[in-house]
Protein backbone atom coordinates (compact mmCIF):
# COMPACT_ATOMS: atom_id res chain seq x y z
CA MET A 1 84.66 64.73 68.71
CA ARG A 2 82.10 67.40 67.83
CA PRO A 3 82.76 69.24 64.54
CA ASP A 4 82.80 72.60 66.35
CA VAL A 5 85.69 71.53 68.60
CA THR A 6 89.22 71.94 67.26
CA ASP A 7 91.58 68.97 67.32
CA ALA A 8 95.03 70.32 66.54
CA PHE A 9 96.63 67.53 68.56
CA GLY A 10 94.81 64.66 66.87
CA ARG A 11 95.18 66.17 63.40
CA ALA A 12 98.94 66.62 63.86
CA VAL A 13 99.40 63.00 64.93
CA ARG A 14 97.22 61.73 62.07
CA ASP A 15 99.06 63.91 59.54
CA HIS A 16 102.38 62.62 60.86
CA HIS A 17 101.21 59.04 60.43
CA ARG A 18 100.06 59.72 56.86
CA GLY A 19 103.20 61.65 55.93
CA ASP A 20 101.18 64.84 55.49
CA ARG A 21 102.33 66.89 58.46
CA THR A 22 102.92 70.52 57.47
CA ASP A 23 104.11 72.01 60.76
CA HIS A 24 105.40 71.17 64.21
CA LEU A 25 102.96 70.33 66.98
CA TYR A 26 103.46 72.70 69.90
CA HIS A 27 102.30 72.59 73.49
CA CYS A 28 101.90 76.08 74.86
CA ASP A 29 101.28 78.13 77.97
CA GLY A 30 100.74 81.83 77.40
CA GLU A 31 103.46 82.97 75.01
CA GLU A 32 105.72 80.01 75.76
CA ARG A 33 105.78 77.30 73.09
CA ARG A 34 107.66 74.02 72.99
CA GLU A 35 107.70 71.44 70.24
CA HIS A 36 105.84 68.25 71.18
CA PRO A 37 107.80 65.14 70.08
CA ILE A 38 105.21 63.19 68.08
CA GLU A 39 107.40 60.35 66.81
CA ALA A 40 109.00 59.57 70.17
CA PHE A 41 105.79 59.82 72.20
CA TYR A 42 103.26 58.11 69.92
CA PHE A 43 105.03 55.99 67.31
CA ALA A 44 108.03 54.47 69.09
CA GLU A 45 107.39 50.72 69.23
CA PHE A 46 106.28 49.39 72.59
CA ASP A 47 108.22 46.28 73.60
CA PRO A 48 106.44 44.27 76.32
CA GLU A 49 109.58 42.15 76.75
CA SER A 50 111.86 45.07 77.64
CA ASP A 51 112.59 45.96 81.25
CA ALA A 52 110.21 48.94 81.19
CA GLY A 53 107.61 47.15 79.09
CA SER A 54 107.56 43.97 81.15
CA TRP A 55 106.71 45.89 84.33
CA LEU A 56 103.59 47.18 82.64
CA ALA A 57 102.70 44.05 80.65
CA SER A 58 102.93 41.76 83.67
CA ARG A 59 100.16 43.75 85.38
CA LEU A 60 97.60 43.59 82.58
CA ARG A 61 95.38 40.90 81.10
CA GLY A 62 92.37 40.75 78.85
CA PRO A 63 89.90 42.02 78.12
CA LEU A 64 91.81 45.31 78.37
CA VAL A 65 90.57 48.88 77.92
CA ASP A 66 93.27 51.33 76.80
CA LEU A 67 92.08 54.82 77.78
CA GLY A 68 93.55 57.75 75.90
CA ALA A 69 95.21 55.28 73.53
CA GLY A 70 96.82 57.92 71.31
CA ALA A 71 98.07 56.39 68.07
CA GLY A 72 97.65 52.86 69.45
CA ARG A 73 101.23 52.23 70.54
CA HIS A 74 100.22 49.90 73.38
CA ALA A 75 96.98 48.58 71.88
CA LEU A 76 98.79 47.22 68.83
CA ARG A 77 100.94 44.96 70.97
CA PHE A 78 98.40 43.96 73.61
CA GLN A 79 95.78 42.95 71.04
CA GLU A 80 98.21 40.22 69.97
CA ARG A 81 97.74 38.68 73.42
CA PHE A 82 94.10 39.35 74.32
CA GLU A 83 91.04 41.46 73.49
CA THR A 84 91.93 45.14 73.65
CA VAL A 85 89.54 48.09 73.30
CA ALA A 86 91.28 51.41 72.56
CA VAL A 87 89.39 54.59 73.49
CA GLU A 88 90.13 58.16 72.36
CA PRO A 89 87.98 61.33 72.31
CA SER A 90 89.71 62.44 69.10
CA ARG A 91 88.17 61.23 65.85
CA ALA A 92 91.48 61.86 64.09
CA LEU A 93 93.31 59.60 66.55
CA VAL A 94 90.67 56.87 66.20
CA GLU A 95 91.20 57.02 62.42
CA THR A 96 94.96 56.84 62.97
CA MET A 97 94.67 53.78 65.18
CA ARG A 98 92.42 51.98 62.72
CA GLU A 99 94.80 52.76 59.84
CA ARG A 100 97.68 51.36 61.90
CA GLY A 101 95.83 48.12 62.56
CA VAL A 102 94.15 48.57 65.94
CA GLU A 103 91.24 46.15 65.73
CA ASP A 104 88.83 47.85 68.16
CA ALA A 105 89.42 51.62 68.29
CA ARG A 106 86.48 53.68 69.54
CA GLU A 107 85.70 57.35 69.94
CA GLY A 108 84.80 57.96 73.58
CA ASP A 109 85.39 59.80 76.83
CA MET A 110 87.39 58.08 79.57
CA PHE A 111 85.43 60.14 82.10
CA ASP A 112 82.12 58.65 80.94
CA LEU A 113 82.88 54.96 81.39
CA ARG A 114 79.54 54.02 82.91
CA GLY A 115 77.77 55.42 79.87
CA ALA A 116 79.97 53.48 77.46
CA PHE A 117 80.50 50.04 79.01
CA ASP A 118 78.65 47.45 81.09
CA ARG A 119 79.61 46.48 84.61
CA ASP A 120 82.59 44.07 84.84
CA ARG A 121 83.38 44.49 81.13
CA PHE A 122 87.19 44.50 81.47
CA ALA A 123 89.80 42.59 83.46
CA SER A 124 92.39 45.38 83.15
CA ALA A 125 92.70 49.05 82.30
CA LEU A 126 95.55 51.17 80.99
CA ALA A 127 95.74 54.97 81.09
CA ILE A 128 99.26 55.99 80.07
CA GLY A 129 99.91 59.60 79.01
CA THR A 130 99.05 61.35 82.31
CA GLN A 131 95.39 61.54 81.23
CA ILE A 132 94.18 60.89 84.78
CA GLY A 133 95.31 64.44 85.49
CA LEU A 134 92.35 65.67 83.45
CA ALA A 135 90.19 64.58 86.38
CA GLY A 136 91.38 67.92 87.74
CA SER A 137 90.96 67.41 91.48
CA MET A 138 91.09 64.78 94.19
CA ARG A 139 87.32 64.46 94.01
CA GLY A 140 87.42 64.10 90.24
CA LEU A 141 90.15 61.48 90.48
CA SER A 142 88.16 59.48 93.03
CA GLU A 143 85.08 59.65 90.80
CA PHE A 144 87.08 58.40 87.81
CA LEU A 145 88.51 55.50 89.83
CA GLY A 146 85.01 54.63 91.03
CA ASP A 147 83.72 54.56 87.46
CA LEU A 148 86.72 52.48 86.40
CA ALA A 149 85.90 50.03 89.18
CA PHE A 150 82.35 49.72 87.83
CA VAL A 151 83.46 48.63 84.34
CA THR A 152 86.15 46.21 85.55
CA THR A 153 85.93 42.79 87.17
CA PRO A 154 86.25 42.25 90.94
CA ASP A 155 89.85 41.02 90.51
CA ALA A 156 90.85 43.66 87.95
CA THR A 157 94.17 45.47 87.63
CA ALA A 158 95.08 48.86 86.17
CA VAL A 159 98.15 50.93 85.32
CA VAL A 160 98.06 54.74 85.28
CA ASP A 161 100.73 57.44 85.23
CA CYS A 162 101.16 60.99 86.46
CA TYR A 163 103.69 63.67 87.34
CA ASP A 164 104.70 63.90 90.98
CA PRO A 165 104.33 67.53 92.14
CA ASP A 166 106.68 66.84 95.07
CA HIS A 167 109.58 66.12 92.68
CA SER A 168 112.00 69.01 92.25
CA GLU A 169 111.91 68.86 88.44
CA THR A 170 108.13 69.15 88.15
CA ALA A 171 108.44 72.94 88.24
CA ASP A 172 110.25 72.73 84.88
CA LEU A 173 107.16 71.34 83.12
CA LEU A 174 105.57 73.77 80.74
CA GLY A 175 102.40 75.15 82.29
CA HIS A 176 103.26 74.10 85.84
CA ARG A 177 101.28 75.73 88.64
CA GLU A 178 102.03 75.21 92.30
CA ASP A 179 99.43 74.21 94.90
CA PRO A 180 99.84 74.99 98.61
CA THR A 181 98.65 71.47 99.49
CA PRO A 182 101.50 68.92 99.71
CA GLY A 183 101.31 66.28 97.01
CA LEU A 184 99.13 68.35 94.69
CA GLY A 185 99.91 70.58 91.74
CA HIS A 186 98.50 71.71 88.41
CA ARG A 187 99.47 72.02 84.79
CA VAL A 188 97.81 74.30 82.24
CA MET A 189 98.58 73.94 78.52
CA ARG A 190 97.15 73.88 75.02
CA PHE A 191 98.19 72.35 71.70
CA GLU A 192 98.78 74.30 68.48
CA TYR A 193 99.27 72.94 64.98
CA ALA A 194 99.18 74.55 61.54
CA GLY A 195 97.21 77.60 62.65
CA GLU A 196 94.75 75.65 64.80
CA THR A 197 94.60 75.95 68.60
CA ASP A 198 92.92 73.45 70.92
CA ARG A 199 91.06 74.36 74.07
CA THR A 200 93.22 74.80 77.17
CA LEU A 201 93.79 71.61 79.15
CA ARG A 202 93.95 71.75 82.94
CA PHE A 203 95.67 68.79 84.57
CA GLY A 204 95.82 67.93 88.23
CA LEU A 205 99.17 66.59 89.41
CA PHE A 206 99.00 63.96 92.15
CA SER A 207 101.83 62.41 94.15
CA PRO A 208 101.71 58.64 94.71
CA ASP A 209 100.43 59.25 98.24
CA ARG A 210 97.63 61.46 96.93
CA LEU A 211 96.74 58.79 94.38
CA ARG A 212 96.52 56.29 97.24
CA GLU A 213 94.28 58.69 99.12
CA ALA A 214 92.01 59.23 96.12
CA ALA A 215 91.64 55.45 95.70
CA ILE A 216 90.13 54.99 99.18
CA GLY A 217 86.54 53.89 98.89
CA THR A 218 86.71 53.30 95.12
CA GLY A 219 87.52 49.60 95.22
CA TRP A 220 91.13 50.19 94.12
CA ALA A 221 94.42 50.19 95.99
CA VAL A 222 97.85 51.26 94.75
CA GLU A 223 99.89 48.06 94.61
CA ALA A 224 103.20 49.34 93.21
CA VAL A 225 104.85 52.52 91.98
CA ASP A 226 107.49 52.44 89.27
CA ARG A 227 110.03 55.18 88.65
CA GLU A 228 112.88 53.13 87.18
CA GLY A 229 111.04 52.55 83.92
CA THR A 230 110.35 56.26 83.54
CA GLY A 231 113.79 57.64 84.46
CA GLU A 232 114.77 59.83 87.39
CA GLY A 233 112.36 62.65 86.63
CA PRO A 234 108.96 63.53 88.07
CA HIS A 235 106.99 61.03 85.96
CA TYR A 236 105.85 57.78 87.58
CA ARG A 237 103.60 54.81 86.83
CA ALA A 238 101.30 53.20 89.37
CA ALA A 239 99.86 49.70 89.34
CA LEU A 240 96.41 49.37 90.92
CA ALA A 241 94.50 46.30 91.98
CA LYS A 242 91.03 45.72 93.34
CA ARG A 243 90.88 45.34 97.11
């Protein structure tokens, strides 16, 4: 991450890991602020043998690229099974992952995959944390999936997640913005920590049907959608496979 770009989010997670955190991490929209649960979201142990974990683990194999890997919650467990490359744009989060034992943690942009990796480099991809929403639009999502297809093998699999804008509880998300098009929505938010404010993030929200639509022509197809492992709310996970 460039030195002129703030990283309140990454610094808060790194400080939490090191026992140096001096304030809460907040996600904000306008004047509204809510505490972001660092421990629960980024440091709770991932169990690939649990009901929720096995759904995800059964759909991935190595080499794996973990995009937006956070503090390495998933990478730490998957690297025990096969080669795992963890990618984060935040230098502070890359440092955190390395300190926690992630063997291959790299600073990089998940929306610049062709510039970072060779064709057919990975057999699977993981993007958990609703990062695909940063593609912003249906066109952006299709472009991301096309780039992901380039760096994965012809028989590759992937797991991504998102918020479903058609779910009644999505309107309760901080920063939610409606879209007149069925199956689409938006979320606008920023992170604040210890007097530092990150740039505003603009997420696109895509229903499972819109994700299927965006995958057309990219080489991917949505194979399964899981809501049980994520509760009854608007969050869902989708398993993709090459056509």
